[in-house]
Amino acid sequence: MDVPNFASNTPLWLALFTTFVAATSGAVIGRTPGRVKYDIVGVFVFAFFLGLGGGITRDVLLGNVPPLALRSPWYLVTVLGAVLVVLLIGRWIPVNGWIFILLDALTLGLYGVIAAQMAIEFGLPDIGAIMVGFLAAIAGGAIVAVLRGETPEILRPSEPYAILVVIGVTIFVLLDQVNAGVAALLCVGSVVILRFATLRWQIQTRAIRPIEREPGTNPPDM
């Protein structure tokens, strides 16, 4: 099958669309009521890191610096556009609707597969490519959580975003040599399907059973 590998030759419109969806999510987080209220700088910072944090993390890990997101003006313009949209019509954006969930799952898979492809092109082994794809997909959300004074959702019992990315990226890396175009489609498709499956059956990760120690004992010094 002659399927174009969008992970290797990512069209600019697709990269900007992925950035826009993720940046919109970040800006919405900045406008969501909570224990802390954020100003315009806070909304922009959240949009920036969710929209571009994964790509910057990928480029830094691969030594592809300055990061692509800073070499082209269109990425920052896209983030600014997402912030403007949220400021104007944020209250009507259906962030819990199935369309937005679909777009969010698509961006998760796209961040992972594009980063894994770049890692392969940089000569990393399969396990290294999987790790780069994983980190690129989850970095933006983790940074935003830390900035908000929270524990990133991927580190605690929650919906298994990180596991979905690992599954999708692993599929891509294993099938890349067979047919890279099909592998990229399977990666993104598996993340989307599994994302809706976990919502449908309310699947969440569980906390690891803590190590039980006898009273008065302390862990060994490191």
Protein backbone atom coordinates (compact mmCIF):
# COMPACT_ATOMS: atom_id res chain seq x y z
CA MET A 1 0.00 0.00 0.00
CA ASP A 2 1.39 3.38 -1.03
CA VAL A 3 0.31 5.42 1.99
CA PRO A 4 2.10 8.75 2.57
CA ASN A 5 4.00 8.90 5.84
CA PHE A 6 2.66 12.11 7.37
CA ALA A 7 4.96 11.59 10.38
CA SER A 8 8.04 12.04 8.19
CA ASN A 9 6.70 14.66 5.79
CA THR A 10 4.30 16.48 8.09
CA PRO A 11 2.43 19.17 6.16
CA LEU A 12 2.56 22.57 7.81
CA TRP A 13 -1.22 22.79 8.08
CA LEU A 14 -1.34 19.53 10.06
CA ALA A 15 1.42 20.66 12.42
CA LEU A 16 -0.35 23.99 12.98
CA PHE A 17 -3.72 22.29 13.45
CA THR A 18 -2.21 20.03 16.12
CA THR A 19 -0.66 23.06 17.81
CA PHE A 20 -3.94 24.99 17.68
CA VAL A 21 -6.01 22.23 19.29
CA ALA A 22 -3.48 21.68 22.09
CA ALA A 23 -2.99 25.42 22.65
CA THR A 24 -6.74 25.89 22.86
CA SER A 25 -6.87 23.28 25.61
CA GLY A 26 -4.13 25.14 27.48
CA ALA A 27 -5.90 28.49 27.16
CA VAL A 28 -9.16 26.93 28.39
CA ILE A 29 -7.32 25.61 31.44
CA GLY A 30 -6.15 29.16 32.13
CA ARG A 31 -9.75 30.39 32.03
CA THR A 32 -11.25 27.54 34.04
CA PRO A 33 -12.33 28.61 37.56
CA GLY A 34 -10.14 27.19 40.32
CA ARG A 35 -8.30 28.10 43.47
CA VAL A 36 -6.09 30.46 41.43
CA LYS A 37 -7.15 32.96 38.78
CA TYR A 38 -4.75 33.72 35.93
CA ASP A 39 -4.16 36.85 33.88
CA ILE A 40 -3.52 37.07 30.16
CA VAL A 41 0.11 36.04 30.63
CA GLY A 42 -0.95 32.91 32.49
CA VAL A 43 -3.44 31.96 29.78
CA PHE A 44 -0.78 32.46 27.09
CA VAL A 45 1.85 30.46 29.00
CA PHE A 46 -0.53 27.51 29.41
CA ALA A 47 -1.46 27.69 25.72
CA PHE A 48 2.22 27.91 24.76
CA PHE A 49 3.35 24.88 26.74
CA LEU A 50 0.40 22.68 25.79
CA GLY A 51 0.67 23.72 22.16
CA LEU A 52 4.44 23.73 21.74
CA GLY A 53 5.91 22.09 24.85
CA GLY A 54 5.91 18.63 23.28
CA GLY A 55 7.67 19.75 20.11
CA ILE A 56 10.25 21.76 22.03
CA THR A 57 10.91 18.81 24.34
CA ARG A 58 11.36 16.55 21.30
CA ASP A 59 13.80 18.93 19.61
CA VAL A 60 15.84 19.48 22.77
CA LEU A 61 16.13 15.72 23.36
CA LEU A 62 17.30 15.20 19.78
CA GLY A 63 19.64 18.19 19.75
CA ASN A 64 17.56 19.82 17.01
CA VAL A 65 18.03 23.34 18.31
CA PRO A 66 16.82 26.01 18.21
CA PRO A 67 13.49 24.14 18.34
CA LEU A 68 11.42 24.16 15.17
CA ALA A 69 8.57 25.94 16.96
CA LEU A 70 10.83 28.96 17.49
CA ARG A 71 12.37 28.93 14.01
CA SER A 72 9.05 29.43 12.25
CA PRO A 73 6.74 32.35 13.17
CA TRP A 74 3.61 30.36 12.34
CA TYR A 75 3.67 28.26 15.50
CA LEU A 76 3.65 31.25 17.85
CA VAL A 77 1.04 32.96 15.69
CA THR A 78 -1.10 29.83 16.01
CA VAL A 79 -0.77 29.87 19.80
CA LEU A 80 -1.77 33.53 19.87
CA GLY A 81 -4.74 32.70 17.67
CA ALA A 82 -5.84 29.94 20.05
CA VAL A 83 -5.60 32.34 23.00
CA LEU A 84 -7.67 34.93 21.14
CA VAL A 85 -10.34 32.35 20.29
CA VAL A 86 -10.60 31.24 23.92
CA LEU A 87 -10.75 34.82 25.17
CA LEU A 88 -13.59 35.62 22.76
CA ILE A 89 -15.68 32.43 22.75
CA GLY A 90 -14.09 30.24 25.43
CA ARG A 91 -17.34 29.69 27.30
CA TRP A 92 -18.90 28.06 24.22
CA ILE A 93 -16.04 25.68 23.43
CA PRO A 94 -17.37 22.15 24.21
CA VAL A 95 -14.19 20.82 25.86
CA ASN A 96 -16.12 17.82 27.23
CA GLY A 97 -17.88 17.07 23.95
CA TRP A 98 -16.94 14.11 21.78
CA ILE A 99 -15.57 16.31 18.98
CA PHE A 100 -13.07 18.02 21.27
CA ILE A 101 -12.14 14.68 22.86
CA LEU A 102 -11.54 13.30 19.36
CA LEU A 103 -9.33 16.24 18.43
CA ASP A 104 -7.45 15.93 21.72
CA ALA A 105 -6.79 12.23 21.09
CA LEU A 106 -5.65 12.99 17.54
CA THR A 107 -3.13 15.56 18.77
CA LEU A 108 -1.87 13.14 21.41
CA GLY A 109 -1.19 10.51 18.76
CA LEU A 110 0.28 13.02 16.31
CA TYR A 111 2.73 14.43 18.85
CA GLY A 112 3.87 10.91 19.67
CA VAL A 113 4.25 9.58 16.13
CA ILE A 114 5.95 12.68 14.70
CA ALA A 115 8.47 12.70 17.56
CA ALA A 116 9.14 8.98 17.20
CA GLN A 117 9.71 9.39 13.45
CA MET A 118 12.18 12.21 14.03
CA ALA A 119 13.98 10.11 16.64
CA ILE A 120 14.32 7.26 14.12
CA GLU A 121 15.68 9.69 11.52
CA PHE A 122 18.21 10.90 14.10
CA GLY A 123 19.44 7.31 14.45
CA LEU A 124 18.01 6.43 17.88
CA PRO A 125 17.24 2.76 18.60
CA ASP A 126 13.61 1.65 18.77
CA ILE A 127 13.35 1.98 22.56
CA GLY A 128 14.81 5.48 22.38
CA ALA A 129 12.34 6.48 19.66
CA ILE A 130 9.45 5.19 21.78
CA MET A 131 10.68 7.21 24.75
CA VAL A 132 11.04 10.40 22.70
CA GLY A 133 7.52 9.95 21.30
CA PHE A 134 6.14 9.33 24.77
CA LEU A 135 7.84 12.38 26.30
CA ALA A 136 6.81 14.65 23.43
CA ALA A 137 3.17 13.67 23.85
CA ILE A 138 2.96 14.15 27.62
CA ALA A 139 5.48 16.96 28.26
CA GLY A 140 3.15 19.90 27.63
CA GLY A 141 0.44 18.68 29.99
CA ALA A 142 2.97 17.83 32.69
CA ILE A 143 4.56 21.29 32.51
CA VAL A 144 1.17 23.01 32.77
CA ALA A 145 0.22 20.87 35.77
CA VAL A 146 3.45 21.77 37.56
CA LEU A 147 2.91 25.47 36.83
CA ARG A 148 -0.54 25.15 38.39
CA GLY A 149 0.93 23.56 41.52
CA GLU A 150 -0.56 20.14 40.77
CA THR A 151 0.79 16.63 40.38
CA PRO A 152 0.67 15.77 36.67
CA GLU A 153 -2.27 13.51 35.90
CA ILE A 154 -0.04 10.93 34.23
CA LEU A 155 1.70 10.28 37.59
CA ARG A 156 -1.43 9.47 39.58
CA PRO A 157 -4.46 7.20 39.18
CA SER A 158 -6.37 8.66 36.24
CA GLU A 159 -7.31 8.06 32.63
CA PRO A 160 -4.36 6.23 31.03
CA TYR A 161 -3.18 8.91 28.60
CA ALA A 162 0.48 7.95 28.90
CA ILE A 163 -0.18 4.24 28.38
CA LEU A 164 -2.22 4.97 25.25
CA VAL A 165 0.67 6.96 23.80
CA VAL A 166 3.17 4.18 24.57
CA ILE A 167 0.93 1.63 22.83
CA GLY A 168 0.45 3.82 19.77
CA VAL A 169 4.10 4.81 19.42
CA THR A 170 5.24 1.21 19.93
CA ILE A 171 2.97 0.10 17.10
CA PHE A 172 4.50 2.75 14.86
CA VAL A 173 8.11 1.90 15.71
CA LEU A 174 7.58 -1.84 15.24
CA LEU A 175 5.84 -1.44 11.87
CA ASP A 176 7.84 1.51 10.57
CA GLN A 177 10.21 -0.63 8.51
CA VAL A 178 7.31 -2.56 6.96
CA ASN A 179 5.19 0.39 5.86
CA ALA A 180 5.80 3.75 7.55
CA GLY A 181 2.62 5.37 6.21
CA VAL A 182 0.36 2.60 7.46
CA ALA A 183 2.29 2.47 10.74
CA ALA A 184 1.67 6.18 11.34
CA LEU A 185 -2.06 5.77 10.65
CA LEU A 186 -2.24 2.77 12.99
CA CYS A 187 -0.46 4.71 15.72
CA VAL A 188 -2.84 7.67 15.66
CA GLY A 189 -5.87 5.46 15.07
CA SER A 190 -5.06 3.19 18.01
CA VAL A 191 -4.66 6.17 20.36
CA VAL A 192 -8.03 7.57 19.27
CA ILE A 193 -9.86 4.25 19.53
CA LEU A 194 -8.34 3.39 22.90
CA ARG A 195 -9.10 6.90 24.18
CA PHE A 196 -12.81 6.45 23.49
CA ALA A 197 -12.71 2.88 24.80
CA THR A 198 -11.29 4.03 28.13
CA LEU A 199 -14.05 6.65 28.37
CA ARG A 200 -16.74 4.17 27.39
CA TRP A 201 -15.75 1.64 30.03
CA GLN A 202 -14.38 4.21 32.51
CA ILE A 203 -10.94 2.61 32.59
CA GLN A 204 -8.41 4.25 34.88
CA THR A 205 -4.99 3.38 36.20
CA ARG A 206 -4.69 2.22 39.80
CA ALA A 207 -2.37 3.36 42.54
CA ILE A 208 0.58 1.08 43.21
CA ARG A 209 0.39 -0.66 46.56
CA PRO A 210 2.78 1.19 48.90
CA ILE A 211 5.66 -0.60 50.57
CA GLU A 212 4.63 -1.56 54.08
CA ARG A 213 7.35 -1.24 56.71
CA GLU A 214 7.41 -2.29 60.31
CA PRO A 215 7.01 0.54 62.82
CA GLY A 216 10.30 2.18 63.70
CA THR A 217 12.10 1.10 60.53
CA ASN A 218 13.43 3.58 58.03
CA PRO A 219 14.36 3.10 54.38
CA PRO A 220 18.10 2.66 53.75
CA ASP A 221 20.14 5.76 53.13
CA MET A 222 20.95 6.40 49.47
